[in-house]
C-alpha cells in the first residue's frame, strides 16, 4: 500500500543563494515535503514499519545546514535525493523550499521551488 507522509513548515536559518549577501547573512528557509513509500497493509499499525518523523526531519536538516547551494532548485533536489537514497522503500519525494527574504527590486512576499523526484529520475543523473 502506498503511504504518503507530509511534513510542513520545517524552518532553518541557512546560507544559500546566488548572491554573496544571501550566503553571508543567511535567511530563513521553510521546507515542506511529501514522501511516498510502500507499506504492507498488515504493517500499518506497527511503528517500526512506518517512517519516523524525527528521522526525516534530521535528514532534511543535515542537507539544508550541511552544504551551501547557489539555487533553491539545487537545494530542493538534494533534499529529495538524500531521502530517496536513505529510505529504500521511498518511491517519490515532493519537496518545496520557500523563502521570504528576497533581494529583488520590487515587492514580493516570497518565492518557492517545488520538485517532484522519483527513483527513476535519479537514474538520469
PDB file of N, CA and C in Angstrom:
ATOM      1  N   UNK A   1       0.860  -1.166   0.000  1.00  0.00           N
ATOM      2  CA  UNK A   1       0.000   0.000   0.000  1.00  0.00           C
ATOM      3  C   UNK A   1       0.906   1.228   0.000  1.00  0.00           C
ATOM      4  N   UNK A   2       0.564   2.207  -0.812  1.00  0.00           N
ATOM      5  CA  UNK A   2       1.347   3.428  -0.887  1.00  0.00           C
ATOM      6  C   UNK A   2       0.908   4.401   0.210  1.00  0.00           C
ATOM      7  N   UNK A   3       1.865   4.796   1.037  1.00  0.00           N
ATOM      8  CA  UNK A   3       1.616   5.732   2.121  1.00  0.00           C
ATOM      9  C   UNK A   3       2.359   7.024   1.804  1.00  0.00           C
ATOM     10  N   UNK A   4       1.748   8.173   2.065  1.00  0.00           N
ATOM     11  CA  UNK A   4       2.415   9.451   1.859  1.00  0.00           C
ATOM     12  C   UNK A   4       2.464  10.204   3.177  1.00  0.00           C
ATOM     13  N   UNK A   5       3.686  10.494   3.617  1.00  0.00           N
ATOM     14  CA  UNK A   5       3.926  11.276   4.822  1.00  0.00           C
ATOM     15  C   UNK A   5       4.187  12.708   4.391  1.00  0.00           C
ATOM     16  N   UNK A   6       3.490  13.651   5.003  1.00  0.00           N
ATOM     17  CA  UNK A   6       3.667  15.059   4.674  1.00  0.00           C
ATOM     18  C   UNK A   6       4.169  15.790   5.913  1.00  0.00           C
ATOM     19  N   UNK A   7       5.283  16.500   5.746  1.00  0.00           N
ATOM     20  CA  UNK A   7       5.825  17.339   6.813  1.00  0.00           C
ATOM     21  C   UNK A   7       5.874  18.768   6.281  1.00  0.00           C
ATOM     22  N   UNK A   8       5.181  19.678   6.955  1.00  0.00           N
ATOM     23  CA  UNK A   8       5.085  21.072   6.512  1.00  0.00           C
ATOM     24  C   UNK A   8       5.810  22.005   7.467  1.00  0.00           C
ATOM     25  N   UNK A   9       6.438  23.016   6.888  1.00  0.00           N
ATOM     26  CA  UNK A   9       6.930  24.135   7.675  1.00  0.00           C
ATOM     27  C   UNK A   9       8.164  23.898   8.510  1.00  0.00           C
ATOM     28  N   UNK A  10       9.067  23.038   8.067  1.00  0.00           N
ATOM     29  CA  UNK A  10      10.341  22.889   8.769  1.00  0.00           C
ATOM     30  C   UNK A  10      11.150  24.152   8.471  1.00  0.00           C
ATOM     31  N   UNK A  11      11.617  24.831   9.488  1.00  0.00           N
ATOM     32  CA  UNK A  11      12.306  26.116   9.288  1.00  0.00           C
ATOM     33  C   UNK A  11      13.762  26.021   9.721  1.00  0.00           C
ATOM     34  N   UNK A  12      14.607  26.614   8.874  1.00  0.00           N
ATOM     35  CA  UNK A  12      16.042  26.601   9.124  1.00  0.00           C
ATOM     36  C   UNK A  12      16.622  27.956   8.731  1.00  0.00           C
ATOM     37  N   UNK A  13      17.543  28.467   9.534  1.00  0.00           N
ATOM     38  CA  UNK A  13      18.288  29.658   9.138  1.00  0.00           C
ATOM     39  C   UNK A  13      19.527  29.130   8.418  1.00  0.00           C
ATOM     40  N   UNK A  14      19.555  29.312   7.091  1.00  0.00           N
ATOM     41  CA  UNK A  14      20.601  28.711   6.273  1.00  0.00           C
ATOM     42  C   UNK A  14      21.246  29.753   5.358  1.00  0.00           C
ATOM     43  N   UNK A  15      22.293  29.341   4.677  1.00  0.00           N
ATOM     44  CA  UNK A  15      23.139  30.267   3.933  1.00  0.00           C
ATOM     45  C   UNK A  15      23.250  29.860   2.462  1.00  0.00           C
ATOM     46  N   UNK A  16      22.130  29.899   1.773  1.00  0.00           N
ATOM     47  CA  UNK A  16      22.071  29.510   0.363  1.00  0.00           C
ATOM     48  C   UNK A  16      21.688  30.717  -0.485  1.00  0.00           C
ATOM     49  N   UNK A  17      22.054  30.663  -1.758  1.00  0.00           N
ATOM     50  CA  UNK A  17      21.639  31.702  -2.686  1.00  0.00           C
ATOM     51  C   UNK A  17      22.743  32.045  -3.670  1.00  0.00           C
ATOM     52  N   UNK A  18      22.371  32.716  -4.734  1.00  0.00           N
ATOM     53  CA  UNK A  18      23.339  33.086  -5.762  1.00  0.00           C
ATOM     54  C   UNK A  18      24.067  34.381  -5.417  1.00  0.00           C
ATOM     55  N   UNK A  19      23.513  35.155  -4.510  1.00  0.00           N
ATOM     56  CA  UNK A  19      24.144  36.412  -4.102  1.00  0.00           C
ATOM     57  C   UNK A  19      25.016  36.195  -2.867  1.00  0.00           C
ATOM     58  N   UNK A  20      26.121  36.908  -2.816  1.00  0.00           N
ATOM     59  CA  UNK A  20      27.040  36.782  -1.682  1.00  0.00           C
ATOM     60  C   UNK A  20      26.353  37.140  -0.368  1.00  0.00           C
ATOM     61  N   UNK A  21      25.510  38.159  -0.376  1.00  0.00           N
ATOM     62  CA  UNK A  21      24.825  38.574   0.851  1.00  0.00           C
ATOM     63  C   UNK A  21      23.926  37.453   1.390  1.00  0.00           C
ATOM     64  N   UNK A  22      23.320  36.675   0.509  1.00  0.00           N
ATOM     65  CA  UNK A  22      22.481  35.552   0.936  1.00  0.00           C
ATOM     66  C   UNK A  22      23.322  34.474   1.618  1.00  0.00           C
ATOM     67  N   UNK A  23      24.505  34.226   1.074  1.00  0.00           N
ATOM     68  CA  UNK A  23      25.383  33.197   1.632  1.00  0.00           C
ATOM     69  C   UNK A  23      26.099  33.675   2.895  1.00  0.00           C
ATOM     70  N   UNK A  24      26.249  34.986   3.050  1.00  0.00           N
ATOM     71  CA  UNK A  24      26.936  35.546   4.224  1.00  0.00           C
ATOM     72  C   UNK A  24      25.987  35.730   5.410  1.00  0.00           C
ATOM     73  N   UNK A  25      24.846  36.382   5.172  1.00  0.00           N
ATOM     74  CA  UNK A  25      23.908  36.685   6.252  1.00  0.00           C
ATOM     75  C   UNK A  25      22.907  35.562   6.506  1.00  0.00           C
ATOM     76  N   UNK A  26      22.641  34.811   5.479  1.00  0.00           N
ATOM     77  CA  UNK A  26      21.661  33.743   5.590  1.00  0.00           C
ATOM     78  C   UNK A  26      20.236  34.254   5.544  1.00  0.00           C
ATOM     79  N   UNK A  27      19.320  33.323   5.610  1.00  0.00           N
ATOM     80  CA  UNK A  27      17.898  33.641   5.576  1.00  0.00           C
ATOM     81  C   UNK A  27      17.119  32.443   6.097  1.00  0.00           C
ATOM     82  N   UNK A  28      15.892  32.690   6.490  1.00  0.00           N
ATOM     83  CA  UNK A  28      15.050  31.600   6.971  1.00  0.00           C
ATOM     84  C   UNK A  28      14.410  30.925   5.762  1.00  0.00           C
ATOM     85  N   UNK A  29      14.607  29.623   5.689  1.00  0.00           N
ATOM     86  CA  UNK A  29      14.009  28.815   4.635  1.00  0.00           C
ATOM     87  C   UNK A  29      12.972  27.894   5.265  1.00  0.00           C
ATOM     88  N   UNK A  30      11.868  27.726   4.577  1.00  0.00           N
ATOM     89  CA  UNK A  30      10.820  26.820   5.042  1.00  0.00           C
ATOM     90  C   UNK A  30      10.743  25.646   4.078  1.00  0.00           C
ATOM     91  N   UNK A  31      10.928  24.450   4.609  1.00  0.00           N
ATOM     92  CA  UNK A  31      10.926  23.239   3.800  1.00  0.00           C
ATOM     93  C   UNK A  31       9.681  22.422   4.131  1.00  0.00           C
ATOM     94  N   UNK A  32       8.997  21.990   3.092  1.00  0.00           N
ATOM     95  CA  UNK A  32       7.856  21.082   3.242  1.00  0.00           C
ATOM     96  C   UNK A  32       8.082  19.914   2.293  1.00  0.00           C
ATOM     97  N   UNK A  33       7.576  18.753   2.681  1.00  0.00           N
ATOM     98  CA  UNK A  33       7.758  17.612   1.787  1.00  0.00           C
ATOM     99  C   UNK A  33       6.647  16.595   1.949  1.00  0.00           C
ATOM    100  N   UNK A  34       6.474  15.836   0.887  1.00  0.00           N
ATOM    101  CA  UNK A  34       5.628  14.647   0.889  1.00  0.00           C
ATOM    102  C   UNK A  34       6.534  13.513   0.445  1.00  0.00           C
ATOM    103  N   UNK A  35       6.573  12.466   1.235  1.00  0.00           N
ATOM    104  CA  UNK A  35       7.404  11.314   0.898  1.00  0.00           C
ATOM    105  C   UNK A  35       6.488  10.097   0.804  1.00  0.00           C
ATOM    106  N   UNK A  36       6.468   9.490  -0.374  1.00  0.00           N
ATOM    107  CA  UNK A  36       5.587   8.349  -0.623  1.00  0.00           C
ATOM    108  C   UNK A  36       6.399   7.063  -0.597  1.00  0.00           C
ATOM    109  N   UNK A  37       5.899   6.105   0.173  1.00  0.00           N
ATOM    110  CA  UNK A  37       6.621   4.845   0.324  1.00  0.00           C
ATOM    111  C   UNK A  37       5.644   3.698   0.482  1.00  0.00           C
ATOM    112  N   UNK A  38       6.146   2.501   0.208  1.00  0.00           N
ATOM    113  CA  UNK A  38       5.324   1.306   0.253  1.00  0.00           C
ATOM    114  C   UNK A  38       5.328   0.701   1.648  1.00  0.00           C
ATOM    115  N   UNK A  39       4.128   0.409   2.157  1.00  0.00           N
ATOM    116  CA  UNK A  39       3.968  -0.249   3.452  1.00  0.00           C
ATOM    117  C   UNK A  39       2.958  -1.386   3.272  1.00  0.00           C
ATOM    118  N   UNK A  40       3.332  -2.598   3.655  1.00  0.00           N
ATOM    119  CA  UNK A  40       2.351  -3.681   3.597  1.00  0.00           C
ATOM    120  C   UNK A  40       1.150  -3.361   4.495  1.00  0.00           C
ATOM    121  N   UNK A  41      -0.022  -3.667   4.044  1.00  0.00           N
ATOM    122  CA  UNK A  41      -1.254  -3.377   4.783  1.00  0.00           C
ATOM    123  C   UNK A  41      -1.188  -3.912   6.211  1.00  0.00           C
ATOM    124  N   UNK A  42      -0.640  -5.094   6.385  1.00  0.00           N
ATOM    125  CA  UNK A  42      -0.563  -5.710   7.722  1.00  0.00           C
ATOM    126  C   UNK A  42       0.364  -4.943   8.668  1.00  0.00           C
ATOM    127  N   UNK A  43       1.243  -4.089   8.116  1.00  0.00           N
ATOM    128  CA  UNK A  43       2.223  -3.381   8.944  1.00  0.00           C
ATOM    129  C   UNK A  43       1.846  -1.937   9.265  1.00  0.00           C
ATOM    130  N   UNK A  44       0.695  -1.472   8.817  1.00  0.00           N
ATOM    131  CA  UNK A  44       0.324  -0.071   9.033  1.00  0.00           C
ATOM    132  C   UNK A  44       0.237   0.312  10.512  1.00  0.00           C
ATOM    133  N   UNK A  45      -0.079  -0.609  11.358  1.00  0.00           N
ATOM    134  CA  UNK A  45      -0.193  -0.314  12.788  1.00  0.00           C
ATOM    135  C   UNK A  45       1.090  -0.520  13.572  1.00  0.00           C
ATOM    136  N   UNK A  46       2.180  -0.833  12.891  1.00  0.00           N
ATOM    137  CA  UNK A  46       3.450  -1.114  13.563  1.00  0.00           C
ATOM    138  C   UNK A  46       4.390   0.083  13.408  1.00  0.00           C
ATOM    139  N   UNK A  47       4.781   0.706  14.516  1.00  0.00           N
ATOM    140  CA  UNK A  47       5.635   1.897  14.443  1.00  0.00           C
ATOM    141  C   UNK A  47       6.953   1.687  13.698  1.00  0.00           C
ATOM    142  N   UNK A  48       7.521   0.488  13.766  1.00  0.00           N
ATOM    143  CA  UNK A  48       8.794   0.261  13.092  1.00  0.00           C
ATOM    144  C   UNK A  48       8.644   0.022  11.587  1.00  0.00           C
ATOM    145  N   UNK A  49       7.415   0.000  11.084  1.00  0.00           N
ATOM    146  CA  UNK A  49       7.164  -0.212   9.663  1.00  0.00           C
ATOM    147  C   UNK A  49       6.854   1.086   8.916  1.00  0.00           C
ATOM    148  N   UNK A  50       6.673   2.165   9.656  1.00  0.00           N
ATOM    149  CA  UNK A  50       6.407   3.464   9.024  1.00  0.00           C
ATOM    150  C   UNK A  50       7.568   4.397   9.338  1.00  0.00           C
ATOM    151  N   UNK A  51       7.693   5.464   8.567  1.00  0.00           N
ATOM    152  CA  UNK A  51       8.826   6.380   8.742  1.00  0.00           C
ATOM    153  C   UNK A  51       8.680   7.203  10.013  1.00  0.00           C
ATOM    154  N   UNK A  52       9.794   7.381  10.701  1.00  0.00           N
ATOM    155  CA  UNK A  52       9.837   8.185  11.920  1.00  0.00           C
ATOM    156  C   UNK A  52      10.010   9.650  11.534  1.00  0.00           C
ATOM    157  N   UNK A  53       9.089  10.488  11.981  1.00  0.00           N
ATOM    158  CA  UNK A  53       9.111  11.908  11.628  1.00  0.00           C
ATOM    159  C   UNK A  53      10.423  12.572  12.020  1.00  0.00           C
ATOM    160  N   UNK A  54      10.925  12.261  13.214  1.00  0.00           N
ATOM    161  CA  UNK A  54      12.155  12.887  13.704  1.00  0.00           C
ATOM    162  C   UNK A  54      13.342  12.538  12.815  1.00  0.00           C
ATOM    163  N   UNK A  55      13.399  11.310  12.323  1.00  0.00           N
ATOM    164  CA  UNK A  55      14.498  10.908  11.439  1.00  0.00           C
ATOM    165  C   UNK A  55      14.438  11.652  10.113  1.00  0.00           C
ATOM    166  N   UNK A  56      13.242  11.803   9.574  1.00  0.00           N
ATOM    167  CA  UNK A  56      13.082  12.546   8.318  1.00  0.00           C
ATOM    168  C   UNK A  56      13.518  13.992   8.534  1.00  0.00           C
ATOM    169  N   UNK A  57      13.084  14.596   9.628  1.00  0.00           N
ATOM    170  CA  UNK A  57      13.465  15.975   9.942  1.00  0.00           C
ATOM    171  C   UNK A  57      14.984  16.107  10.013  1.00  0.00           C
ATOM    172  N   UNK A  58      15.639  15.201  10.729  1.00  0.00           N
ATOM    173  CA  UNK A  58      17.094  15.254  10.878  1.00  0.00           C
ATOM    174  C   UNK A  58      17.804  15.104   9.538  1.00  0.00           C
ATOM    175  N   UNK A  59      17.288  14.259   8.671  1.00  0.00           N
ATOM    176  CA  UNK A  59      17.870  14.086   7.344  1.00  0.00           C
ATOM    177  C   UNK A  59      17.775  15.379   6.552  1.00  0.00           C
ATOM    178  N   UNK A  60      16.614  16.010   6.576  1.00  0.00           N
ATOM    179  CA  UNK A  60      16.423  17.284   5.876  1.00  0.00           C
ATOM    180  C   UNK A  60      17.349  18.343   6.471  1.00  0.00           C
ATOM    181  N   UNK A  61      17.424  18.410   7.790  1.00  0.00           N
ATOM    182  CA  UNK A  61      18.266  19.399   8.460  1.00  0.00           C
ATOM    183  C   UNK A  61      19.737  19.249   8.058  1.00  0.00           C
ATOM    184  N   UNK A  62      20.224  18.036   7.961  1.00  0.00           N
ATOM    185  CA  UNK A  62      21.615  17.807   7.563  1.00  0.00           C
ATOM    186  C   UNK A  62      21.887  18.337   6.164  1.00  0.00           C
ATOM    187  N   UNK A  63      20.959  18.146   5.250  1.00  0.00           N
ATOM    188  CA  UNK A  63      21.150  18.643   3.878  1.00  0.00           C
ATOM    189  C   UNK A  63      21.114  20.169   3.866  1.00  0.00           C
ATOM    190  N   UNK A  64      20.106  20.748   4.514  1.00  0.00           N
ATOM    191  CA  UNK A  64      19.940  22.210   4.499  1.00  0.00           C
ATOM    192  C   UNK A  64      21.109  22.911   5.175  1.00  0.00           C
ATOM    193  N   UNK A  65      21.584  22.373   6.279  1.00  0.00           N
ATOM    194  CA  UNK A  65      22.635  23.035   7.047  1.00  0.00           C
ATOM    195  C   UNK A  65      24.047  22.593   6.654  1.00  0.00           C
ATOM    196  N   UNK A  66      24.160  21.510   5.886  1.00  0.00           N
ATOM    197  CA  UNK A  66      25.470  20.934   5.628  1.00  0.00           C
ATOM    198  C   UNK A  66      26.200  21.416   4.389  1.00  0.00           C
ATOM    199  N   UNK A  67      25.507  21.981   3.423  1.00  0.00           N
ATOM    200  CA  UNK A  67      26.113  22.397   2.166  1.00  0.00           C
ATOM    201  C   UNK A  67      25.488  23.703   1.722  1.00  0.00           C
ATOM    202  N   UNK A  68      26.269  24.551   1.073  1.00  0.00           N
ATOM    203  CA  UNK A  68      25.718  25.793   0.510  1.00  0.00           C
ATOM    204  C   UNK A  68      25.355  25.563  -0.951  1.00  0.00           C
ATOM    205  N   UNK A  69      24.146  25.944  -1.307  1.00  0.00           N
ATOM    206  CA  UNK A  69      23.671  25.838  -2.682  1.00  0.00           C
ATOM    207  C   UNK A  69      23.443  27.231  -3.240  1.00  0.00           C
ATOM    208  N   UNK A  70      23.764  27.419  -4.508  1.00  0.00           N
ATOM    209  CA  UNK A  70      23.543  28.718  -5.129  1.00  0.00           C
ATOM    210  C   UNK A  70      22.104  28.888  -5.605  1.00  0.00           C
ATOM    211  N   UNK A  71      21.395  27.772  -5.789  1.00  0.00           N
ATOM    212  CA  UNK A  71      20.000  27.870  -6.229  1.00  0.00           C
ATOM    213  C   UNK A  71      19.098  27.086  -5.285  1.00  0.00           C
ATOM    214  N   UNK A  72      17.880  27.530  -5.148  1.00  0.00           N
ATOM    215  CA  UNK A  72      16.903  26.803  -4.345  1.00  0.00           C
ATOM    216  C   UNK A  72      16.556  25.482  -5.034  1.00  0.00           C
ATOM    217  N   UNK A  73      16.634  25.463  -6.362  1.00  0.00           N
ATOM    218  CA  UNK A  73      16.377  24.224  -7.095  1.00  0.00           C
ATOM    219  C   UNK A  73      17.392  23.151  -6.724  1.00  0.00           C
ATOM    220  N   UNK A  74      18.665  23.551  -6.614  1.00  0.00           N
ATOM    221  CA  UNK A  74      19.710  22.602  -6.223  1.00  0.00           C
ATOM    222  C   UNK A  74      19.498  22.059  -4.825  1.00  0.00           C
ATOM    223  N   UNK A  75      19.137  22.931  -3.909  1.00  0.00           N
ATOM    224  CA  UNK A  75      18.856  22.510  -2.533  1.00  0.00           C
ATOM    225  C   UNK A  75      17.649  21.582  -2.492  1.00  0.00           C
ATOM    226  N   UNK A  76      16.605  21.956  -3.198  1.00  0.00           N
ATOM    227  CA  UNK A  76      15.378  21.158  -3.217  1.00  0.00           C
ATOM    228  C   UNK A  76      15.653  19.754  -3.752  1.00  0.00           C
ATOM    229  N   UNK A  77      16.437  19.665  -4.829  1.00  0.00           N
ATOM    230  CA  UNK A  77      16.785  18.358  -5.393  1.00  0.00           C
ATOM    231  C   UNK A  77      17.641  17.551  -4.419  1.00  0.00           C
ATOM    232  N   UNK A  78      18.597  18.194  -3.771  1.00  0.00           N
ATOM    233  CA  UNK A  78      19.478  17.494  -2.833  1.00  0.00           C
ATOM    234  C   UNK A  78      18.697  16.867  -1.680  1.00  0.00           C
ATOM    235  N   UNK A  79      17.682  17.566  -1.196  1.00  0.00           N
ATOM    236  CA  UNK A  79      16.835  17.022  -0.125  1.00  0.00           C
ATOM    237  C   UNK A  79      16.114  15.771  -0.615  1.00  0.00           C
ATOM    238  N   UNK A  80      15.475  15.876  -1.778  1.00  0.00           N
ATOM    239  CA  UNK A  80      14.739  14.733  -2.334  1.00  0.00           C
ATOM    240  C   UNK A  80      15.670  13.551  -2.587  1.00  0.00           C
ATOM    241  N   UNK A  81      16.832  13.810  -3.169  1.00  0.00           N
ATOM    242  CA  UNK A  81      17.785  12.741  -3.468  1.00  0.00           C
ATOM    243  C   UNK A  81      18.248  12.044  -2.186  1.00  0.00           C
ATOM    244  N   UNK A  82      18.548  12.811  -1.156  1.00  0.00           N
ATOM    245  CA  UNK A  82      19.002  12.230   0.110  1.00  0.00           C
ATOM    246  C   UNK A  82      17.940  11.308   0.701  1.00  0.00           C
ATOM    247  N   UNK A  83      16.692  11.737   0.653  1.00  0.00           N
ATOM    248  CA  UNK A  83      15.604  10.907   1.185  1.00  0.00           C
ATOM    249  C   UNK A  83      15.430   9.637   0.355  1.00  0.00           C
ATOM    250  N   UNK A  84      15.533   9.742  -0.958  1.00  0.00           N
ATOM    251  CA  UNK A  84      15.431   8.557  -1.812  1.00  0.00           C
ATOM    252  C   UNK A  84      16.611   7.611  -1.581  1.00  0.00           C
ATOM    253  N   UNK A  85      17.794   8.170  -1.360  1.00  0.00           N
ATOM    254  CA  UNK A  85      18.977   7.346  -1.109  1.00  0.00           C
ATOM    255  C   UNK A  85      18.913   6.635   0.239  1.00  0.00           C
ATOM    256  N   UNK A  86      18.409   7.312   1.253  1.00  0.00           N
ATOM    257  CA  UNK A  86      18.431   6.751   2.614  1.00  0.00           C
ATOM    258  C   UNK A  86      17.258   5.844   2.947  1.00  0.00           C
ATOM    259  N   UNK A  87      16.165   5.971   2.221  1.00  0.00           N
ATOM    260  CA  UNK A  87      14.960   5.203   2.540  1.00  0.00           C
ATOM    261  C   UNK A  87      14.566   4.369   1.321  1.00  0.00           C
ATOM    262  N   UNK A  88      14.951   3.091   1.348  1.00  0.00           N
ATOM    263  CA  UNK A  88      14.804   2.204   0.195  1.00  0.00           C
ATOM    264  C   UNK A  88      13.356   2.027  -0.260  1.00  0.00           C
ATOM    265  N   UNK A  89      12.407   2.134   0.665  1.00  0.00           N
ATOM    266  CA  UNK A  89      11.001   1.926   0.317  1.00  0.00           C
ATOM    267  C   UNK A  89      10.386   3.149  -0.378  1.00  0.00           C
ATOM    268  N   UNK A  90      11.129   4.257  -0.384  1.00  0.00           N
ATOM    269  CA  UNK A  90      10.602   5.502  -0.938  1.00  0.00           C
ATOM    270  C   UNK A  90      10.482   5.404  -2.450  1.00  0.00           C
ATOM    271  N   UNK A  91       9.317   5.792  -2.960  1.00  0.00           N
ATOM    272  CA  UNK A  91       9.078   5.784  -4.400  1.00  0.00           C
ATOM    273  C   UNK A  91       9.119   7.183  -4.990  1.00  0.00           C
ATOM    274  N   UNK A  92       8.681   8.184  -4.206  1.00  0.00           N
ATOM    275  CA  UNK A  92       8.615   9.547  -4.715  1.00  0.00           C
ATOM    276  C   UNK A  92       8.725  10.524  -3.565  1.00  0.00           C
ATOM    277  N   UNK A  93       9.430  11.645  -3.819  1.00  0.00           N
ATOM    278  CA  UNK A  93       9.533  12.714  -2.838  1.00  0.00           C
ATOM    279  C   UNK A  93       9.171  14.020  -3.533  1.00  0.00           C
ATOM    280  N   UNK A  94       8.220  14.733  -2.975  1.00  0.00           N
ATOM    281  CA  UNK A  94       7.896  16.080  -3.441  1.00  0.00           C
ATOM    282  C   UNK A  94       8.382  17.040  -2.362  1.00  0.00           C
ATOM    283  N   UNK A  95       9.289  17.920  -2.745  1.00  0.00           N
ATOM    284  CA  UNK A  95       9.913  18.826  -1.783  1.00  0.00           C
ATOM    285  C   UNK A  95       9.718  20.266  -2.227  1.00  0.00           C
ATOM    286  N   UNK A  96       9.391  21.132  -1.267  1.00  0.00           N
ATOM    287  CA  UNK A  96       9.266  22.566  -1.526  1.00  0.00           C
ATOM    288  C   UNK A  96      10.185  23.326  -0.585  1.00  0.00           C
ATOM    289  N   UNK A  97      10.866  24.324  -1.137  1.00  0.00           N
ATOM    290  CA  UNK A  97      11.669  25.231  -0.329  1.00  0.00           C
ATOM    291  C   UNK A  97      11.156  26.630  -0.597  1.00  0.00           C
ATOM    292  N   UNK A  98      10.779  27.311   0.486  1.00  0.00           N
ATOM    293  CA  UNK A  98      10.191  28.647   0.392  1.00  0.00           C
ATOM    294  C   UNK A  98      11.062  29.624   1.179  1.00  0.00           C
ATOM    295  N   UNK A  99      11.224  30.811   0.628  1.00  0.00           N
ATOM    296  CA  UNK A  99      11.963  31.849   1.340  1.00  0.00           C
ATOM    297  C   UNK A  99      11.228  33.170   1.215  1.00  0.00           C
ATOM    298  N   UNK A 100      11.289  33.955   2.275  1.00  0.00           N
ATOM    299  CA  UNK A 100      10.577  35.223   2.305  1.00  0.00           C
ATOM    300  C   UNK A 100      11.463  36.426   2.067  1.00  0.00           C
ATOM    301  N   UNK A 101      12.736  36.290   2.389  1.00  0.00           N
ATOM    302  CA  UNK A 101      13.652  37.412   2.221  1.00  0.00           C
ATOM    303  C   UNK A 101      14.261  37.336   0.825  1.00  0.00           C
ATOM    304  N   UNK A 102      13.859  38.271  -0.027  1.00  0.00           N
ATOM    305  CA  UNK A 102      14.326  38.258  -1.407  1.00  0.00           C
ATOM    306  C   UNK A 102      15.016  39.561  -1.740  1.00  0.00           C
ATOM    307  N   UNK A 103      16.054  39.461  -2.504  1.00  0.00           N
ATOM    308  CA  UNK A 103      16.798  40.637  -2.926  1.00  0.00           C
ATOM    309  C   UNK A 103      16.419  40.950  -4.371  1.00  0.00           C
ATOM    310  N   UNK A 104      15.216  41.506  -4.536  1.00  0.00           N
ATOM    311  CA  UNK A 104      14.712  41.900  -5.857  1.00  0.00           C
ATOM    312  C   UNK A 104      14.280  43.362  -5.789  1.00  0.00           C
ATOM    313  N   UNK A 105      14.338  44.053  -6.921  1.00  0.00           N
ATOM    314  CA  UNK A 105      13.954  45.476  -6.930  1.00  0.00           C
ATOM    315  C   UNK A 105      12.443  45.637  -7.030  1.00  0.00           C
ATOM    316  N   UNK A 106      11.734  45.214  -6.007  1.00  0.00           N
ATOM    317  CA  UNK A 106      10.281  45.315  -6.009  1.00  0.00           C
ATOM    318  C   UNK A 106       9.704  44.610  -4.803  1.00  0.00           C
ATOM    319  N   UNK A 107       8.389  44.590  -4.742  1.00  0.00           N
ATOM    320  CA  UNK A 107       7.686  43.970  -3.621  1.00  0.00           C
ATOM    321  C   UNK A 107       7.314  42.546  -4.005  1.00  0.00           C
ATOM    322  N   UNK A 108       7.733  41.623  -3.162  1.00  0.00           N
ATOM    323  CA  UNK A 108       7.458  40.206  -3.375  1.00  0.00           C
ATOM    324  C   UNK A 108       7.460  39.546  -2.007  1.00  0.00           C
ATOM    325  N   UNK A 109       6.391  38.858  -1.654  1.00  0.00           N
ATOM    326  CA  UNK A 109       6.311  38.309  -0.300  1.00  0.00           C
ATOM    327  C   UNK A 109       7.140  37.042  -0.111  1.00  0.00           C
ATOM    328  N   UNK A 110       7.299  36.235  -1.152  1.00  0.00           N
ATOM    329  CA  UNK A 110       8.090  35.015  -1.014  1.00  0.00           C
ATOM    330  C   UNK A 110       8.325  34.387  -2.382  1.00  0.00           C
ATOM    331  N   UNK A 111       9.241  33.441  -2.404  1.00  0.00           N
ATOM    332  CA  UNK A 111       9.412  32.597  -3.586  1.00  0.00           C
ATOM    333  C   UNK A 111       9.499  31.159  -3.096  1.00  0.00           C
ATOM    334  N   UNK A 112       9.067  30.250  -3.947  1.00  0.00           N
ATOM    335  CA  UNK A 112       9.032  28.851  -3.555  1.00  0.00           C
ATOM    336  C   UNK A 112       9.361  27.983  -4.762  1.00  0.00           C
ATOM    337  N   UNK A 113      10.181  26.969  -4.531  1.00  0.00           N
ATOM    338  CA  UNK A 113      10.531  25.998  -5.559  1.00  0.00           C
ATOM    339  C   UNK A 113      10.009  24.646  -5.096  1.00  0.00           C
ATOM    340  N   UNK A 114       9.329  23.936  -5.987  1.00  0.00           N
ATOM    341  CA  UNK A 114       8.826  22.598  -5.683  1.00  0.00           C
ATOM    342  C   UNK A 114       9.323  21.629  -6.744  1.00  0.00           C
ATOM    343  N   UNK A 115       9.868  20.510  -6.302  1.00  0.00           N
ATOM    344  CA  UNK A 115      10.303  19.445  -7.203  1.00  0.00           C
ATOM    345  C   UNK A 115       9.658  18.142  -6.780  1.00  0.00           C
ATOM    346  N   UNK A 116       9.268  17.357  -7.763  1.00  0.00           N
ATOM    347  CA  UNK A 116       8.777  16.011  -7.519  1.00  0.00           C
ATOM    348  C   UNK A 116       9.811  15.071  -8.142  1.00  0.00           C
ATOM    349  N   UNK A 117      10.461  14.266  -7.299  1.00  0.00           N
ATOM    350  CA  UNK A 117      11.548  13.405  -7.758  1.00  0.00           C
ATOM    351  C   UNK A 117      11.185  11.949  -7.460  1.00  0.00           C
ATOM    352  N   UNK A 118      11.307  11.118  -8.483  1.00  0.00           N
ATOM    353  CA  UNK A 118      11.072   9.686  -8.322  1.00  0.00           C
ATOM    354  C   UNK A 118      12.413   8.957  -8.391  1.00  0.00           C
ATOM    355  N   UNK A 119      12.394   7.716  -8.015  1.00  0.00           N
ATOM    356  CA  UNK A 119      13.601   6.900  -8.066  1.00  0.00           C
ATOM    357  C   UNK A 119      14.139   6.827  -9.502  1.00  0.00           C
ATOM    358  N   UNK A 120      13.255   6.775 -10.494  1.00  0.00           N
ATOM    359  CA  UNK A 120      13.658   6.720 -11.892  1.00  0.00           C
ATOM    360  C   UNK A 120      14.396   7.996 -12.319  1.00  0.00           C
ATOM    361  N   UNK A 121      14.016   9.126 -11.741  1.00  0.00           N
ATOM    362  CA  UNK A 121      14.701  10.387 -12.059  1.00  0.00           C
ATOM    363  C   UNK A 121      16.179  10.324 -11.708  1.00  0.00           C
ATOM    364  N   UNK A 122      16.523   9.609 -10.661  1.00  0.00           N
ATOM    365  CA  UNK A 122      17.914   9.514 -10.227  1.00  0.00           C
ATOM    366  C   UNK A 122      18.752   8.713 -11.210  1.00  0.00           C
ATOM    367  N   UNK A 123      18.134   7.878 -11.998  1.00  0.00           N
ATOM    368  CA  UNK A 123      18.864   7.097 -12.998  1.00  0.00           C
ATOM    369  C   UNK A 123      19.373   7.994 -14.130  1.00  0.00           C
ATOM    370  N   UNK A 124      18.767   9.167 -14.291  1.00  0.00           N
ATOM    371  CA  UNK A 124      19.145  10.100 -15.350  1.00  0.00           C
ATOM    372  C   UNK A 124      20.390  10.906 -15.007  1.00  0.00           C
ATOM    373  N   UNK A 125      20.824  10.884 -13.743  1.00  0.00           N
ATOM    374  CA  UNK A 125      21.978  11.681 -13.308  1.00  0.00           C
ATOM    375  C   UNK A 125      23.245  11.300 -14.033  1.00  0.00           C
TER     376      UNK A 125
END
